[in-house]
Amino acid sequence: MNARPRIAVLTPFAASQQVGGVEVFNECLRAALGDFETFADGRPEAGAPYGDLRRVGLQQPVGALRAARGLLRRHRQEPFDLILSNGVYGWPLTLAKPDVPLVQVYHFTMAGLARHALTLRGDRWTTGHVTAFFDRVAGIGKHVVAISPRVLREVEAFYGLRGRLIPHAVDTNAFRPVDRATARESLDLPRDRAIGLFVGRPDATKGYDVLLRVARAMPEVLFLVAGAPAARDDNVWSIGQIAHDDMPRWYSASDFFFFPSRYEGFGLALLEALSCDLPAIVSKSAWPFAEGPEQCGIVVDGNSEGGFVRAIRSVLSNRRNFSPRDFVLPRYDREVFADRWRAFIQGVLEAN
C-alpha cells in the first residue's frame, strides 16, 4: 500500500497474560498493515449488574456493544479508512453502518462450535442460536474473511455469507526447532522416553478425555499437558500455563504433538508445533489446512483411542519421514500472511 490507511480493529477482550489465536492474529495483522487502533471491552466479567450473561449466550454480544461504542465515538472524532472486526464483536457495526469499508474475520463459528463440540443441551441452544445469531449478523454486508477452509465452509453453510480464505500464520523465526537433548535437559524432562505434547484446555471440547484414554493405553509414553494447573499423574504431566515465547523449547523437546480436539477453527498451537518441525497426531476436526497431512503427521477420524494409539506408534517409528517445517515455511509464514493481507486491504480500499 502506497499510503498507510487509518485502521481500527474491534476485538474480544484478552488479559495481557493470555495469548490466544485472536491475539496472535492481531499481532500478525499489525506487522502486515502497520499500527492500528484496537478497541476491546475493558470489562470482560460475566455481565454484572445484569447477571451471568454467559447462561443466556449474551456475554460476547454485550461486550461487543460496549467496545463498539468506544470505536464509533473515536470514528466520529477522526474517521478511520477501514474497520476490521473479529468474530461476534462485529455485530454492532452491521447496525451502525459507518461509512467506510468493513472487514469481518471469522476464526470459528458459534454455530459450528455448538454443533460439534458442546454436549449440554442448554449450552448448544444458547451458543448455537443466541450467540450464533449475533455471529451471523457480524458478517452481513461486509468483506468476510475466514482463517481456515473449515471456517469458510461453515460461514457459507450456516450463515449464508460469501467470504474468502486468508489462513493464519506463525512467526517461523521465533518458532523454530532447537536441539532436542538440550531442550529436554533445560526443562528437566526424561532423556530417552517418548514424549507427546498437548496444548489447550483440559476439557472435552479439546479432546482431553481422549488423551487420558490414550495415555492409559500407552504407559510407556509421557504426555505433557500445557494449559492445565501443574500436576503429575502417572504418565500425564500437566505443566501449567507456559509463556508463549517459551513454547518452542517444549515443542522441540517432544516427539509428537497430540491434539484430538472435537472442534477447531484454526489451532494456533498446531501451526507452532509444525513450525518447530514437530510431527502431529490430530483429529480430523483439528486439521485446518486445505493440504493433506502426509508431510506433517497423521489425521485420525473419530475419537476412539485405538486409532490414536496406532497413529502415535506409526509416527514414533517413522519420524524421519516427516518434514513439517518445510510444509509451513512457503505457506504459513508471517511474510506470506502479510502479502495476502496487504493485497486484500488494498483491493478493498480501491473498490470503495
Protein backbone atom coordinates (compact mmCIF):
# COMPACT_ATOMS: atom_id res chain seq x y z
CA MET A 1 0.00 0.00 0.00
CA ASN A 2 1.38 3.36 -1.03
CA ALA A 3 -0.24 5.36 1.79
CA ARG A 4 -0.92 3.80 5.17
CA PRO A 5 -4.67 3.85 5.87
CA ARG A 6 -6.12 4.53 9.31
CA ILE A 7 -7.48 1.21 10.51
CA ALA A 8 -9.48 0.27 13.60
CA VAL A 9 -9.83 -3.27 14.93
CA LEU A 10 -12.79 -4.31 17.08
CA THR A 11 -11.87 -7.45 19.00
CA PRO A 12 -12.70 -9.52 22.10
CA PHE A 13 -11.01 -8.60 25.35
CA ALA A 14 -7.97 -10.62 26.42
CA ALA A 15 -5.97 -10.19 29.60
CA SER A 16 -2.37 -9.20 28.95
CA GLN A 17 -1.09 -12.57 30.14
CA GLN A 18 -3.36 -14.50 27.76
CA VAL A 19 -2.11 -15.16 24.24
CA GLY A 20 -4.64 -16.95 22.06
CA GLY A 21 -5.26 -17.29 18.36
CA VAL A 22 -7.10 -13.97 18.00
CA GLU A 23 -4.37 -12.08 19.86
CA VAL A 24 -1.63 -13.62 17.70
CA PHE A 25 -3.71 -12.86 14.61
CA ASN A 26 -3.94 -9.21 15.67
CA GLU A 27 -0.15 -9.11 16.16
CA CYS A 28 0.41 -10.59 12.68
CA LEU A 29 -2.03 -8.10 11.21
CA ARG A 30 -0.26 -5.19 12.88
CA ALA A 31 3.06 -6.34 11.46
CA ALA A 32 1.49 -6.61 7.99
CA LEU A 33 -0.54 -3.38 7.89
CA GLY A 34 1.23 -1.09 10.32
CA ASP A 35 -0.08 0.24 13.59
CA PHE A 36 -3.84 0.45 14.12
CA GLU A 37 -6.18 1.35 16.95
CA THR A 38 -7.63 -1.58 18.88
CA PHE A 39 -10.98 -1.45 20.65
CA ALA A 40 -11.99 -4.17 23.12
CA ASP A 41 -14.37 -4.45 26.03
CA GLY A 42 -12.48 -3.47 29.15
CA ARG A 43 -14.99 -5.24 31.41
CA PRO A 44 -14.89 -8.92 30.50
CA GLU A 45 -16.76 -10.04 33.61
CA ALA A 46 -19.72 -12.38 33.23
CA GLY A 47 -22.17 -9.50 32.93
CA ALA A 48 -22.83 -7.85 36.29
CA PRO A 49 -25.01 -5.97 37.10
CA TYR A 50 -27.17 -7.91 34.62
CA GLY A 51 -26.34 -11.35 36.00
CA ASP A 52 -24.35 -14.07 34.30
CA LEU A 53 -24.87 -13.31 30.61
CA ARG A 54 -22.99 -16.46 29.61
CA ARG A 55 -26.00 -18.51 30.65
CA VAL A 56 -28.16 -16.84 28.01
CA GLY A 57 -25.49 -16.52 25.30
CA LEU A 58 -25.16 -12.74 25.57
CA GLN A 59 -21.80 -12.16 27.23
CA GLN A 60 -19.91 -11.59 23.99
CA PRO A 61 -22.67 -9.61 22.21
CA VAL A 62 -22.95 -7.23 25.18
CA GLY A 63 -19.17 -6.88 25.40
CA ALA A 64 -19.10 -6.15 21.68
CA LEU A 65 -21.64 -3.37 22.11
CA ARG A 66 -19.55 -1.67 24.79
CA ALA A 67 -16.38 -1.91 22.70
CA ALA A 68 -18.13 -0.69 19.54
CA ARG A 69 -19.41 2.43 21.29
CA GLY A 70 -15.85 3.49 22.01
CA LEU A 71 -14.78 2.79 18.44
CA LEU A 72 -17.67 4.74 16.94
CA ARG A 73 -17.01 7.74 19.20
CA ARG A 74 -13.41 7.74 18.02
CA HIS A 75 -14.52 7.34 14.40
CA ARG A 76 -16.73 10.43 14.66
CA GLN A 77 -13.81 12.46 16.01
CA GLU A 78 -11.26 11.27 13.45
CA PRO A 79 -12.68 8.92 10.80
CA PHE A 80 -10.96 5.65 10.02
CA ASP A 81 -10.37 4.48 6.46
CA LEU A 82 -11.30 0.87 7.27
CA ILE A 83 -12.66 -1.05 10.25
CA LEU A 84 -11.95 -4.73 10.89
CA SER A 85 -13.81 -6.86 13.43
CA ASN A 86 -13.14 -10.29 14.90
CA GLY A 87 -15.95 -12.79 15.40
CA VAL A 88 -19.11 -11.86 17.29
CA TYR A 89 -17.66 -8.44 18.05
CA GLY A 90 -18.54 -7.22 14.57
CA TRP A 91 -22.31 -7.26 15.03
CA PRO A 92 -22.82 -3.66 16.27
CA LEU A 93 -21.02 -2.31 13.19
CA THR A 94 -23.55 -4.03 10.94
CA LEU A 95 -26.28 -1.93 12.54
CA ALA A 96 -24.24 1.28 12.90
CA LYS A 97 -23.14 1.20 9.23
CA PRO A 98 -20.15 3.57 9.46
CA ASP A 99 -19.43 4.95 6.01
CA VAL A 100 -16.10 3.10 5.50
CA PRO A 101 -15.23 -0.40 4.28
CA LEU A 102 -15.88 -3.07 6.91
CA VAL A 103 -13.96 -6.35 7.13
CA GLN A 104 -15.27 -9.23 9.25
CA VAL A 105 -12.89 -12.03 10.26
CA TYR A 106 -14.20 -15.40 11.41
CA HIS A 107 -11.78 -17.51 13.46
CA PHE A 108 -14.51 -20.11 14.02
CA THR A 109 -18.30 -20.03 14.04
CA MET A 110 -20.56 -20.18 17.05
CA ALA A 111 -22.91 -22.40 15.07
CA GLY A 112 -20.11 -24.85 14.33
CA LEU A 113 -18.91 -24.85 17.94
CA ALA A 114 -22.41 -25.65 19.19
CA ARG A 115 -22.98 -28.44 16.67
CA HIS A 116 -19.65 -30.20 17.01
CA ALA A 117 -18.28 -29.59 20.49
CA LEU A 118 -20.92 -28.72 23.09
CA THR A 119 -22.62 -31.57 24.92
CA LEU A 120 -25.12 -29.85 27.24
CA ARG A 121 -28.45 -29.07 25.58
CA GLY A 122 -28.64 -25.62 27.19
CA ASP A 123 -25.15 -24.68 26.01
CA ARG A 124 -25.89 -25.89 22.50
CA TRP A 125 -29.06 -23.80 22.37
CA THR A 126 -27.62 -20.55 23.75
CA THR A 127 -24.43 -20.79 21.69
CA GLY A 128 -25.96 -22.25 18.54
CA HIS A 129 -28.99 -19.93 18.42
CA VAL A 130 -28.47 -16.83 20.56
CA THR A 131 -24.72 -16.14 20.22
CA ALA A 132 -24.69 -17.57 16.69
CA PHE A 133 -27.38 -15.07 15.69
CA PHE A 134 -25.05 -12.20 16.54
CA ASP A 135 -22.15 -14.10 14.98
CA ARG A 136 -24.04 -14.21 11.68
CA VAL A 137 -25.15 -10.56 11.91
CA ALA A 138 -21.47 -9.62 12.30
CA GLY A 139 -20.75 -10.63 8.71
CA ILE A 140 -23.76 -9.20 6.89
CA GLY A 141 -22.86 -6.63 4.25
CA LYS A 142 -19.10 -6.83 4.91
CA HIS A 143 -15.96 -8.18 3.32
CA VAL A 144 -15.79 -11.58 5.04
CA VAL A 145 -12.54 -13.43 5.73
CA ALA A 146 -12.23 -16.93 7.20
CA ILE A 147 -8.92 -18.23 8.53
CA SER A 148 -9.33 -21.89 7.51
CA PRO A 149 -11.20 -23.89 4.86
CA ARG A 150 -13.43 -25.39 7.54
CA VAL A 151 -14.43 -22.00 8.90
CA LEU A 152 -15.14 -20.73 5.38
CA ARG A 153 -17.41 -23.72 4.74
CA GLU A 154 -19.27 -23.07 7.99
CA VAL A 155 -19.67 -19.35 7.28
CA GLU A 156 -21.21 -20.20 3.92
CA ALA A 157 -23.32 -23.17 5.09
CA PHE A 158 -24.56 -21.92 8.48
CA TYR A 159 -24.69 -18.16 7.90
CA GLY A 160 -25.29 -17.89 4.15
CA LEU A 161 -22.35 -15.49 3.74
CA ARG A 162 -19.76 -15.36 0.98
CA GLY A 163 -16.16 -14.98 2.05
CA ARG A 164 -12.55 -15.55 1.18
CA LEU A 165 -9.83 -17.63 2.78
CA ILE A 166 -6.74 -16.00 4.29
CA PRO A 167 -5.07 -18.55 6.61
CA HIS A 168 -3.46 -17.89 9.96
CA ALA A 169 0.31 -17.51 10.23
CA VAL A 170 3.21 -18.28 12.53
CA ASP A 171 6.46 -16.46 13.23
CA THR A 172 8.81 -19.08 11.81
CA ASN A 173 11.84 -17.20 13.14
CA ALA A 174 10.57 -17.45 16.72
CA PHE A 175 9.06 -20.92 16.34
CA ARG A 176 11.91 -22.98 15.02
CA PRO A 177 13.44 -26.26 16.21
CA VAL A 178 16.20 -26.35 18.79
CA ASP A 179 18.30 -29.33 19.82
CA ARG A 180 16.03 -31.89 21.49
CA ALA A 181 18.54 -33.11 24.06
CA THR A 182 19.34 -29.55 25.09
CA ALA A 183 15.65 -28.66 25.34
CA ARG A 184 14.89 -31.71 27.49
CA GLU A 185 17.80 -31.03 29.80
CA SER A 186 16.76 -27.40 30.29
CA LEU A 187 13.18 -28.48 31.06
CA ASP A 188 14.19 -31.41 33.30
CA LEU A 189 12.44 -33.96 31.09
CA PRO A 190 13.40 -37.64 30.67
CA ARG A 191 16.12 -38.03 28.07
CA ASP A 192 15.14 -41.36 26.49
CA ARG A 193 11.34 -41.54 26.91
CA ALA A 194 8.87 -40.86 24.09
CA ILE A 195 7.06 -37.59 24.81
CA GLY A 196 3.83 -36.24 23.37
CA LEU A 197 2.68 -32.64 23.90
CA PHE A 198 -0.94 -31.48 24.23
CA VAL A 199 -1.64 -27.72 24.31
CA GLY A 200 -5.05 -26.43 25.34
CA ARG A 201 -7.80 -26.51 27.93
CA PRO A 202 -8.22 -29.90 29.65
CA ASP A 203 -11.85 -30.34 28.60
CA ALA A 204 -13.94 -32.48 26.27
CA THR A 205 -14.02 -29.84 23.52
CA LYS A 206 -10.24 -30.19 23.15
CA GLY A 207 -10.41 -33.99 23.46
CA TYR A 208 -8.72 -34.18 26.85
CA ASP A 209 -10.79 -37.26 27.73
CA VAL A 210 -9.35 -38.94 24.61
CA LEU A 211 -5.83 -38.05 25.74
CA LEU A 212 -6.43 -39.71 29.11
CA ARG A 213 -7.69 -42.90 27.47
CA VAL A 214 -4.74 -42.96 25.07
CA ALA A 215 -2.31 -42.36 27.95
CA ARG A 216 -3.71 -45.34 29.85
CA ALA A 217 -3.20 -47.49 26.75
CA MET A 218 0.40 -46.26 26.28
CA PRO A 219 2.08 -46.17 29.71
CA GLU A 220 5.50 -46.12 28.03
CA VAL A 221 4.78 -42.64 26.57
CA LEU A 222 4.89 -39.45 28.63
CA PHE A 223 2.09 -37.00 27.80
CA LEU A 224 2.68 -33.33 28.68
CA VAL A 225 -0.33 -31.02 29.01
CA ALA A 226 0.30 -27.29 28.62
CA GLY A 227 -2.64 -25.22 29.79
CA ALA A 228 -3.75 -27.13 32.89
CA PRO A 229 -2.67 -26.50 36.50
CA ALA A 230 0.65 -28.15 37.24
CA ALA A 231 0.29 -31.75 38.44
CA ARG A 232 1.75 -35.20 37.78
CA ASP A 233 -0.34 -38.36 37.50
CA ASP A 234 1.41 -41.48 36.18
CA ASN A 235 2.34 -40.70 32.55
CA VAL A 236 0.28 -37.48 32.23
CA TRP A 237 2.14 -34.40 33.45
CA SER A 238 0.30 -31.09 33.49
CA ILE A 239 2.92 -28.36 33.17
CA GLY A 240 0.71 -25.31 33.76
CA GLN A 241 0.48 -22.15 31.68
CA ILE A 242 3.62 -21.75 29.59
CA ALA A 243 4.77 -18.35 28.37
CA HIS A 244 4.21 -18.08 24.62
CA ASP A 245 7.84 -17.21 23.99
CA ASP A 246 8.95 -20.35 25.82
CA MET A 247 6.81 -22.76 23.80
CA PRO A 248 9.49 -23.52 21.14
CA ARG A 249 11.54 -25.34 23.79
CA TRP A 250 8.58 -27.54 24.73
CA TYR A 251 7.75 -28.32 21.10
CA SER A 252 11.40 -29.15 20.41
CA ALA A 253 11.65 -31.37 23.49
CA SER A 254 8.71 -33.51 22.33
CA ASP A 255 8.47 -36.38 19.86
CA PHE A 256 4.96 -35.57 18.63
CA PHE A 257 2.19 -33.03 19.04
CA PHE A 258 -1.11 -34.57 20.16
CA PHE A 259 -4.43 -32.80 19.65
CA PRO A 260 -7.63 -34.90 19.48
CA SER A 261 -9.89 -31.82 19.58
CA ARG A 262 -13.57 -32.16 18.68
CA TYR A 263 -13.76 -28.69 17.15
CA GLU A 264 -11.22 -26.11 15.98
CA GLY A 265 -11.32 -23.10 13.70
CA PHE A 266 -7.56 -22.95 13.33
CA GLY A 267 -5.43 -24.36 16.13
CA LEU A 268 -2.51 -21.98 16.52
CA ALA A 269 -0.57 -24.44 18.67
CA LEU A 270 -0.62 -26.98 15.84
CA LEU A 271 0.90 -24.46 13.45
CA GLU A 272 3.56 -23.52 16.01
CA ALA A 273 4.42 -27.19 16.59
CA LEU A 274 4.78 -27.86 12.87
CA SER A 275 6.97 -24.78 12.52
CA CYS A 276 9.24 -26.33 15.18
CA ASP A 277 9.44 -29.43 12.96
CA LEU A 278 7.32 -31.50 15.35
CA PRO A 279 5.08 -34.10 13.66
CA ALA A 280 1.47 -34.12 14.76
CA ILE A 281 -1.27 -36.62 15.51
CA VAL A 282 -4.58 -34.77 15.43
CA SER A 283 -8.28 -35.40 15.00
CA LYS A 284 -9.94 -34.69 11.69
CA SER A 285 -11.65 -31.71 13.33
CA ALA A 286 -8.29 -30.23 14.34
CA TRP A 287 -6.67 -30.31 10.88
CA PRO A 288 -7.16 -26.76 9.50
CA PHE A 289 -5.31 -26.93 6.19
CA ALA A 290 -6.51 -27.47 2.65
CA GLU A 291 -3.49 -29.72 2.07
CA GLY A 292 -3.27 -33.29 3.31
CA PRO A 293 -1.25 -34.26 6.40
CA GLU A 294 1.23 -36.63 4.77
CA GLN A 295 4.21 -34.29 5.27
CA CYS A 296 3.22 -33.37 8.82
CA GLY A 297 1.88 -36.42 10.61
CA ILE A 298 -1.39 -38.33 10.81
CA VAL A 299 -5.02 -37.22 10.98
CA VAL A 300 -7.33 -39.63 12.81
CA ASP A 301 -11.04 -39.82 12.01
CA GLY A 302 -13.23 -40.21 15.08
CA ASN A 303 -12.30 -40.14 18.77
CA SER A 304 -11.58 -43.80 19.52
CA GLU A 305 -8.32 -44.22 21.40
CA GLY A 306 -7.35 -47.18 19.22
CA GLY A 307 -6.90 -45.03 16.12
CA PHE A 308 -4.78 -42.51 18.00
CA VAL A 309 -2.63 -45.21 19.61
CA ARG A 310 -1.85 -46.70 16.19
CA ALA A 311 -1.10 -43.25 14.76
CA ILE A 312 1.28 -42.39 17.61
CA ARG A 313 3.17 -45.64 17.20
CA SER A 314 3.43 -45.06 13.46
CA VAL A 315 4.80 -41.54 13.89
CA LEU A 316 7.30 -42.62 16.55
CA SER A 317 8.55 -45.36 14.23
CA ASN A 318 8.77 -43.16 11.15
CA ARG A 319 9.53 -39.67 12.43
CA ARG A 320 12.32 -39.09 9.89
CA ASN A 321 9.75 -39.41 7.09
CA PHE A 322 8.01 -36.19 8.14
CA SER A 323 9.11 -32.61 7.36
CA PRO A 324 6.51 -30.32 8.98
CA ARG A 325 8.62 -27.16 8.91
CA ASP A 326 9.14 -27.50 5.16
CA PHE A 327 5.35 -27.68 4.86
CA VAL A 328 4.85 -24.49 6.89
CA LEU A 329 7.52 -22.18 5.50
CA PRO A 330 6.15 -21.48 1.98
CA ARG A 331 2.50 -21.41 3.05
CA TYR A 332 2.01 -20.07 6.58
CA ASP A 333 4.97 -17.84 7.36
CA ARG A 334 4.16 -14.30 8.53
CA GLU A 335 5.55 -12.77 5.34
CA VAL A 336 3.14 -14.85 3.25
CA PHE A 337 0.33 -13.73 5.56
CA ALA A 338 1.43 -10.09 5.23
CA ASP A 339 1.47 -10.22 1.43
CA ARG A 340 -2.02 -11.72 1.35
CA TRP A 341 -3.49 -9.16 3.74
CA ARG A 342 -1.83 -6.14 2.10
CA ALA A 343 -3.18 -7.17 -1.29
CA PHE A 344 -6.64 -7.81 0.16
CA ILE A 345 -6.87 -4.50 2.03
CA GLN A 346 -5.56 -2.59 -0.98
CA GLY A 347 -8.27 -4.18 -3.13
CA VAL A 348 -10.98 -3.35 -0.60
CA LEU A 349 -9.92 0.29 -0.35
CA GLU A 350 -9.61 0.71 -4.12
CA ALA A 351 -13.06 -0.83 -4.66
CA ASN A 352 -14.71 1.52 -2.17
